[in-house]
Amino acid sequence: MKHKLWFAGIFVAAAGLWLAFSDPSMNWREEVQLQSGEVIVIKRTAKFSENWIAGGGGGSFNRGMTIDFDSPDKPDNPTVWSSLYDPLIIDQDPITKEWLIIATFTHCDGWYNIGRPKLPYTEYIFRNGKWEQGTLNPNLIGRLANLLLVDPSEIKTINSSRPIVKIADKQKRITARPGIPPKYKSILNEWTTGC
């Protein structure tokens, strides 16, 4: 009987440690204002992997983000977008009516994987029923980000904003985090890399 209780105690402790140290993930709904002024609601997910460095310190790696169109529910809404890049802008081209997402990378390998472009962005366009990745349209330079930038430190904040992250809340978060690099706040026209 003592062995069974001992094994049960070990199992409970192991489960608690796994929950405490497992890779963080988040899901939330977010209001987004398009350039046209229309406000849509999207569902987002983000999964991270902890990156602890010997000797202290660490960080996280983006292990995948998704965007799903929630409201308004239209028959021409795109399918779920999924990527290892951090989305900054979502919008719909007023002429072609194609949806686009501008994303950036957190680590140098992301920059290498998109061909080391002059500016730190990649563009996705929803065309022919799927998301196609390409180079940044120069007409988007200067645009302000309209998507919430997240990392594992935001889990508590995201969870407290249920059921939805409002547009005004996003602006407050940007102001509250002055250390956010400029490439995450708007589409820059010049950029230097340490990669």
C-alpha atoms as a PDB file:
ATOM      1  CA  MET A   1       0.000   0.000   0.000  1.00  0.00           C
ATOM      2  CA  LYS A   2       2.859   2.379   0.856  1.00  0.00           C
ATOM      3  CA  HIS A   3       4.381   1.804  -2.608  1.00  0.00           C
ATOM      4  CA  LYS A   4       1.125   2.708  -4.309  1.00  0.00           C
ATOM      5  CA  LEU A   5       0.865   5.952  -2.333  1.00  0.00           C
ATOM      6  CA  TRP A   6       4.527   6.711  -3.039  1.00  0.00           C
ATOM      7  CA  PHE A   7       4.029   6.165  -6.799  1.00  0.00           C
ATOM      8  CA  ALA A   8       0.856   8.279  -6.752  1.00  0.00           C
ATOM      9  CA  GLY A   9       2.767  11.084  -4.991  1.00  0.00           C
ATOM     10  CA  ILE A  10       5.582  10.900  -7.557  1.00  0.00           C
ATOM     11  CA  PHE A  11       3.042  10.969 -10.409  1.00  0.00           C
ATOM     12  CA  VAL A  12       1.274  14.048  -8.996  1.00  0.00           C
ATOM     13  CA  ALA A  13       4.608  15.835  -8.474  1.00  0.00           C
ATOM     14  CA  ALA A  14       5.770  14.974 -12.009  1.00  0.00           C
ATOM     15  CA  ALA A  15       2.486  16.205 -13.497  1.00  0.00           C
ATOM     16  CA  GLY A  16       2.844  19.474 -11.563  1.00  0.00           C
ATOM     17  CA  LEU A  17       6.412  19.954 -12.798  1.00  0.00           C
ATOM     18  CA  TRP A  18       5.355  19.196 -16.381  1.00  0.00           C
ATOM     19  CA  LEU A  19       2.614  21.827 -16.189  1.00  0.00           C
ATOM     20  CA  ALA A  20       4.961  24.369 -14.633  1.00  0.00           C
ATOM     21  CA  PHE A  21       7.734  23.899 -17.185  1.00  0.00           C
ATOM     22  CA  SER A  22       5.918  22.830 -20.357  1.00  0.00           C
ATOM     23  CA  ASP A  23       6.057  25.018 -23.426  1.00  0.00           C
ATOM     24  CA  PRO A  24       3.701  27.978 -23.049  1.00  0.00           C
ATOM     25  CA  SER A  25       0.806  28.446 -25.451  1.00  0.00           C
ATOM     26  CA  MET A  26      -1.973  30.996 -25.726  1.00  0.00           C
ATOM     27  CA  ASN A  27      -5.266  31.435 -27.518  1.00  0.00           C
ATOM     28  CA  TRP A  28      -7.455  34.520 -27.648  1.00  0.00           C
ATOM     29  CA  ARG A  29      -9.863  36.584 -29.720  1.00  0.00           C
ATOM     30  CA  GLU A  30      -8.769  40.015 -30.926  1.00  0.00           C
ATOM     31  CA  GLU A  31     -10.417  43.038 -32.516  1.00  0.00           C
ATOM     32  CA  VAL A  32      -8.579  44.379 -35.566  1.00  0.00           C
ATOM     33  CA  GLN A  33      -9.228  47.622 -37.390  1.00  0.00           C
ATOM     34  CA  LEU A  34      -8.559  47.397 -41.104  1.00  0.00           C
ATOM     35  CA  GLN A  35      -7.288  50.329 -43.156  1.00  0.00           C
ATOM     36  CA  SER A  36     -10.845  50.797 -44.486  1.00  0.00           C
ATOM     37  CA  GLY A  37     -12.040  51.458 -40.920  1.00  0.00           C
ATOM     38  CA  GLU A  38     -13.923  48.145 -40.682  1.00  0.00           C
ATOM     39  CA  VAL A  39     -13.402  46.245 -37.430  1.00  0.00           C
ATOM     40  CA  ILE A  40     -13.133  42.470 -37.600  1.00  0.00           C
ATOM     41  CA  VAL A  41     -12.584  39.845 -34.913  1.00  0.00           C
ATOM     42  CA  ILE A  42      -9.998  37.115 -35.318  1.00  0.00           C
ATOM     43  CA  LYS A  43      -9.105  34.066 -33.256  1.00  0.00           C
ATOM     44  CA  ARG A  44      -5.387  33.646 -32.605  1.00  0.00           C
ATOM     45  CA  THR A  45      -3.084  31.044 -31.150  1.00  0.00           C
ATOM     46  CA  ALA A  46       0.600  31.202 -30.260  1.00  0.00           C
ATOM     47  CA  LYS A  47       2.866  28.405 -29.094  1.00  0.00           C
ATOM     48  CA  PHE A  48       6.356  28.955 -27.752  1.00  0.00           C
ATOM     49  CA  SER A  49       9.285  26.801 -26.744  1.00  0.00           C
ATOM     50  CA  GLU A  50      11.452  27.834 -23.824  1.00  0.00           C
ATOM     51  CA  ASN A  51      15.114  28.379 -24.631  1.00  0.00           C
ATOM     52  CA  TRP A  52      17.081  28.304 -21.399  1.00  0.00           C
ATOM     53  CA  ILE A  53      20.782  28.965 -21.798  1.00  0.00           C
ATOM     54  CA  ALA A  54      23.387  27.354 -19.548  1.00  0.00           C
ATOM     55  CA  GLY A  55      24.643  29.876 -17.021  1.00  0.00           C
ATOM     56  CA  GLY A  56      21.333  31.688 -16.699  1.00  0.00           C
ATOM     57  CA  GLY A  57      19.092  33.687 -18.947  1.00  0.00           C
ATOM     58  CA  GLY A  58      16.972  32.412 -21.731  1.00  0.00           C
ATOM     59  CA  GLY A  59      14.078  33.283 -23.896  1.00  0.00           C
ATOM     60  CA  SER A  60      11.585  31.619 -26.140  1.00  0.00           C
ATOM     61  CA  PHE A  61      11.161  30.519 -29.716  1.00  0.00           C
ATOM     62  CA  ASN A  62       7.952  30.954 -31.682  1.00  0.00           C
ATOM     63  CA  ARG A  63       6.768  27.420 -32.461  1.00  0.00           C
ATOM     64  CA  GLY A  64       3.737  28.508 -34.439  1.00  0.00           C
ATOM     65  CA  MET A  65       1.041  31.141 -34.660  1.00  0.00           C
ATOM     66  CA  THR A  66      -2.383  31.010 -36.278  1.00  0.00           C
ATOM     67  CA  ILE A  67      -5.054  33.500 -37.297  1.00  0.00           C
ATOM     68  CA  ASP A  68      -8.626  32.405 -37.962  1.00  0.00           C
ATOM     69  CA  PHE A  69     -11.358  34.796 -39.130  1.00  0.00           C
ATOM     70  CA  ASP A  70     -14.170  34.873 -36.581  1.00  0.00           C
ATOM     71  CA  SER A  71     -16.444  37.838 -37.280  1.00  0.00           C
ATOM     72  CA  PRO A  72     -18.057  38.915 -39.465  1.00  0.00           C
ATOM     73  CA  ASP A  73     -18.604  35.417 -40.815  1.00  0.00           C
ATOM     74  CA  LYS A  74     -18.415  35.883 -44.589  1.00  0.00           C
ATOM     75  CA  PRO A  75     -18.268  33.174 -47.258  1.00  0.00           C
ATOM     76  CA  ASP A  76     -15.110  34.738 -48.753  1.00  0.00           C
ATOM     77  CA  ASN A  77     -13.160  34.802 -45.468  1.00  0.00           C
ATOM     78  CA  PRO A  78      -9.746  33.163 -45.874  1.00  0.00           C
ATOM     79  CA  THR A  79      -8.756  29.850 -44.368  1.00  0.00           C
ATOM     80  CA  VAL A  80      -6.649  29.702 -41.210  1.00  0.00           C
ATOM     81  CA  TRP A  81      -3.223  31.314 -41.562  1.00  0.00           C
ATOM     82  CA  SER A  82      -0.384  29.449 -39.849  1.00  0.00           C
ATOM     83  CA  SER A  83       3.302  30.363 -39.650  1.00  0.00           C
ATOM     84  CA  LEU A  84       6.456  30.455 -37.548  1.00  0.00           C
ATOM     85  CA  TYR A  85       6.642  34.230 -38.112  1.00  0.00           C
ATOM     86  CA  ASP A  86       5.107  36.937 -35.915  1.00  0.00           C
ATOM     87  CA  PRO A  87       2.114  38.600 -37.634  1.00  0.00           C
ATOM     88  CA  LEU A  88       2.048  42.404 -37.454  1.00  0.00           C
ATOM     89  CA  ILE A  89      -0.614  43.511 -39.935  1.00  0.00           C
ATOM     90  CA  ILE A  90      -3.719  41.952 -41.381  1.00  0.00           C
ATOM     91  CA  ASP A  91      -5.731  43.793 -44.002  1.00  0.00           C
ATOM     92  CA  GLN A  92      -7.731  43.470 -47.182  1.00  0.00           C
ATOM     93  CA  ASP A  93      -6.581  45.175 -50.371  1.00  0.00           C
ATOM     94  CA  PRO A  94      -9.316  47.684 -51.290  1.00  0.00           C
ATOM     95  CA  ILE A  95      -8.884  47.062 -55.039  1.00  0.00           C
ATOM     96  CA  THR A  96      -8.130  43.347 -55.415  1.00  0.00           C
ATOM     97  CA  LYS A  97     -10.040  42.347 -52.225  1.00  0.00           C
ATOM     98  CA  GLU A  98      -7.210  39.932 -51.433  1.00  0.00           C
ATOM     99  CA  TRP A  99      -6.365  39.445 -47.768  1.00  0.00           C
ATOM    100  CA  LEU A 100      -2.776  40.009 -46.674  1.00  0.00           C
ATOM    101  CA  ILE A 101      -0.721  39.425 -43.570  1.00  0.00           C
ATOM    102  CA  ILE A 102       2.655  41.036 -42.935  1.00  0.00           C
ATOM    103  CA  ALA A 103       4.891  39.129 -40.540  1.00  0.00           C
ATOM    104  CA  THR A 104       8.415  39.342 -39.167  1.00  0.00           C
ATOM    105  CA  PHE A 105      10.900  37.072 -37.419  1.00  0.00           C
ATOM    106  CA  THR A 106      12.291  37.031 -33.908  1.00  0.00           C
ATOM    107  CA  HIS A 107      15.547  35.156 -34.483  1.00  0.00           C
ATOM    108  CA  CYS A 108      18.166  35.312 -37.246  1.00  0.00           C
ATOM    109  CA  ASP A 109      17.267  31.909 -38.670  1.00  0.00           C
ATOM    110  CA  GLY A 110      13.845  33.310 -39.615  1.00  0.00           C
ATOM    111  CA  TRP A 111      15.547  36.056 -41.627  1.00  0.00           C
ATOM    112  CA  TYR A 112      17.805  33.510 -43.329  1.00  0.00           C
ATOM    113  CA  ASN A 113      14.796  31.322 -44.197  1.00  0.00           C
ATOM    114  CA  ILE A 114      13.084  34.156 -46.094  1.00  0.00           C
ATOM    115  CA  GLY A 115      16.188  34.950 -48.135  1.00  0.00           C
ATOM    116  CA  ARG A 116      17.689  37.790 -46.032  1.00  0.00           C
ATOM    117  CA  PRO A 117      15.521  40.589 -47.436  1.00  0.00           C
ATOM    118  CA  LYS A 118      16.564  44.230 -47.050  1.00  0.00           C
ATOM    119  CA  LEU A 119      13.613  44.808 -44.698  1.00  0.00           C
ATOM    120  CA  PRO A 120      12.699  42.306 -41.935  1.00  0.00           C
ATOM    121  CA  TYR A 121       9.274  41.294 -43.262  1.00  0.00           C
ATOM    122  CA  THR A 122       7.493  38.691 -45.307  1.00  0.00           C
ATOM    123  CA  GLU A 123       4.052  39.073 -46.869  1.00  0.00           C
ATOM    124  CA  TYR A 124       1.324  36.464 -47.143  1.00  0.00           C
ATOM    125  CA  ILE A 125      -1.522  36.911 -49.631  1.00  0.00           C
ATOM    126  CA  PHE A 126      -4.662  34.788 -49.653  1.00  0.00           C
ATOM    127  CA  ARG A 127      -4.987  33.822 -53.304  1.00  0.00           C
ATOM    128  CA  ASN A 128      -6.728  30.910 -55.026  1.00  0.00           C
ATOM    129  CA  GLY A 129      -7.919  29.443 -51.742  1.00  0.00           C
ATOM    130  CA  LYS A 130      -4.564  29.404 -49.940  1.00  0.00           C
ATOM    131  CA  TRP A 131      -2.014  31.635 -48.242  1.00  0.00           C
ATOM    132  CA  GLU A 132       1.005  32.340 -50.468  1.00  0.00           C
ATOM    133  CA  GLN A 133       4.208  33.694 -48.930  1.00  0.00           C
ATOM    134  CA  GLY A 134       6.218  36.325 -50.812  1.00  0.00           C
ATOM    135  CA  THR A 135       8.141  39.565 -50.527  1.00  0.00           C
ATOM    136  CA  LEU A 136       6.876  42.753 -48.935  1.00  0.00           C
ATOM    137  CA  ASN A 137       4.909  45.128 -51.143  1.00  0.00           C
ATOM    138  CA  PRO A 138       6.781  48.483 -50.843  1.00  0.00           C
ATOM    139  CA  ASN A 139       3.416  50.311 -50.709  1.00  0.00           C
ATOM    140  CA  LEU A 140       3.001  48.931 -47.168  1.00  0.00           C
ATOM    141  CA  ILE A 141       6.080  50.714 -45.778  1.00  0.00           C
ATOM    142  CA  GLY A 142       5.060  53.054 -42.978  1.00  0.00           C
ATOM    143  CA  ARG A 143       1.907  51.151 -42.034  1.00  0.00           C
ATOM    144  CA  LEU A 144       1.323  50.747 -38.305  1.00  0.00           C
ATOM    145  CA  ALA A 145       0.910  47.272 -36.866  1.00  0.00           C
ATOM    146  CA  ASN A 146      -2.713  46.378 -36.124  1.00  0.00           C
ATOM    147  CA  LEU A 147      -2.102  42.982 -34.489  1.00  0.00           C
ATOM    148  CA  LEU A 148      -1.131  42.288 -30.905  1.00  0.00           C
ATOM    149  CA  LEU A 149       2.526  41.348 -30.433  1.00  0.00           C
ATOM    150  CA  VAL A 150       2.769  38.443 -27.993  1.00  0.00           C
ATOM    151  CA  ASP A 151       5.414  36.444 -26.207  1.00  0.00           C
ATOM    152  CA  PRO A 152       5.214  34.107 -23.184  1.00  0.00           C
ATOM    153  CA  SER A 153       5.358  37.075 -20.781  1.00  0.00           C
ATOM    154  CA  GLU A 154       1.904  38.081 -22.075  1.00  0.00           C
ATOM    155  CA  ILE A 155       0.102  34.881 -20.977  1.00  0.00           C
ATOM    156  CA  LYS A 156      -1.311  36.397 -17.777  1.00  0.00           C
ATOM    157  CA  THR A 157      -2.383  39.591 -19.572  1.00  0.00           C
ATOM    158  CA  ILE A 158      -4.027  37.672 -22.431  1.00  0.00           C
ATOM    159  CA  ASN A 159      -5.895  35.442 -19.987  1.00  0.00           C
ATOM    160  CA  SER A 160      -7.193  38.480 -18.087  1.00  0.00           C
ATOM    161  CA  SER A 161      -8.578  40.077 -21.263  1.00  0.00           C
ATOM    162  CA  ARG A 162     -11.201  37.398 -21.873  1.00  0.00           C
ATOM    163  CA  PRO A 163     -13.311  37.149 -23.892  1.00  0.00           C
ATOM    164  CA  ILE A 164     -11.617  39.529 -26.379  1.00  0.00           C
ATOM    165  CA  VAL A 165      -8.636  41.872 -26.729  1.00  0.00           C
ATOM    166  CA  LYS A 166     -10.018  45.284 -27.696  1.00  0.00           C
ATOM    167  CA  ILE A 167      -8.271  47.721 -30.051  1.00  0.00           C
ATOM    168  CA  ALA A 168      -7.749  50.272 -27.240  1.00  0.00           C
ATOM    169  CA  ASP A 169      -6.149  47.565 -25.050  1.00  0.00           C
ATOM    170  CA  LYS A 170      -3.548  46.863 -27.733  1.00  0.00           C
ATOM    171  CA  GLN A 171      -2.497  50.517 -27.824  1.00  0.00           C
ATOM    172  CA  LYS A 172      -2.130  50.552 -24.029  1.00  0.00           C
ATOM    173  CA  ARG A 173       0.088  47.463 -24.175  1.00  0.00           C
ATOM    174  CA  ILE A 174       2.361  49.052 -26.768  1.00  0.00           C
ATOM    175  CA  THR A 175       2.709  52.143 -24.568  1.00  0.00           C
ATOM    176  CA  ALA A 176       3.324  49.997 -21.476  1.00  0.00           C
ATOM    177  CA  ARG A 177       6.132  48.116 -23.238  1.00  0.00           C
ATOM    178  CA  PRO A 178       8.456  50.865 -24.540  1.00  0.00           C
ATOM    179  CA  GLY A 179      11.233  48.317 -25.167  1.00  0.00           C
ATOM    180  CA  ILE A 180       9.385  46.796 -28.146  1.00  0.00           C
ATOM    181  CA  PRO A 181      11.713  47.144 -31.153  1.00  0.00           C
ATOM    182  CA  PRO A 182      10.435  49.523 -33.881  1.00  0.00           C
ATOM    183  CA  LYS A 183      10.177  46.722 -36.494  1.00  0.00           C
ATOM    184  CA  TYR A 184       7.224  45.312 -34.517  1.00  0.00           C
ATOM    185  CA  LYS A 185       5.338  48.625 -34.318  1.00  0.00           C
ATOM    186  CA  SER A 186       5.325  49.638 -37.992  1.00  0.00           C
ATOM    187  CA  ILE A 187       6.713  48.612 -41.363  1.00  0.00           C
ATOM    188  CA  LEU A 188      10.124  50.297 -41.459  1.00  0.00           C
ATOM    189  CA  ASN A 189      11.739  51.742 -44.583  1.00  0.00           C
ATOM    190  CA  GLU A 190      15.251  50.899 -43.369  1.00  0.00           C
ATOM    191  CA  TRP A 191      16.681  48.363 -40.987  1.00  0.00           C
ATOM    192  CA  THR A 192      20.063  47.069 -39.878  1.00  0.00           C
ATOM    193  CA  THR A 193      20.642  43.567 -38.631  1.00  0.00           C
ATOM    194  CA  GLY A 194      22.922  42.023 -36.083  1.00  0.00           C
ATOM    195  CA  CYS A 195      22.566  38.637 -37.788  1.00  0.00           C
END
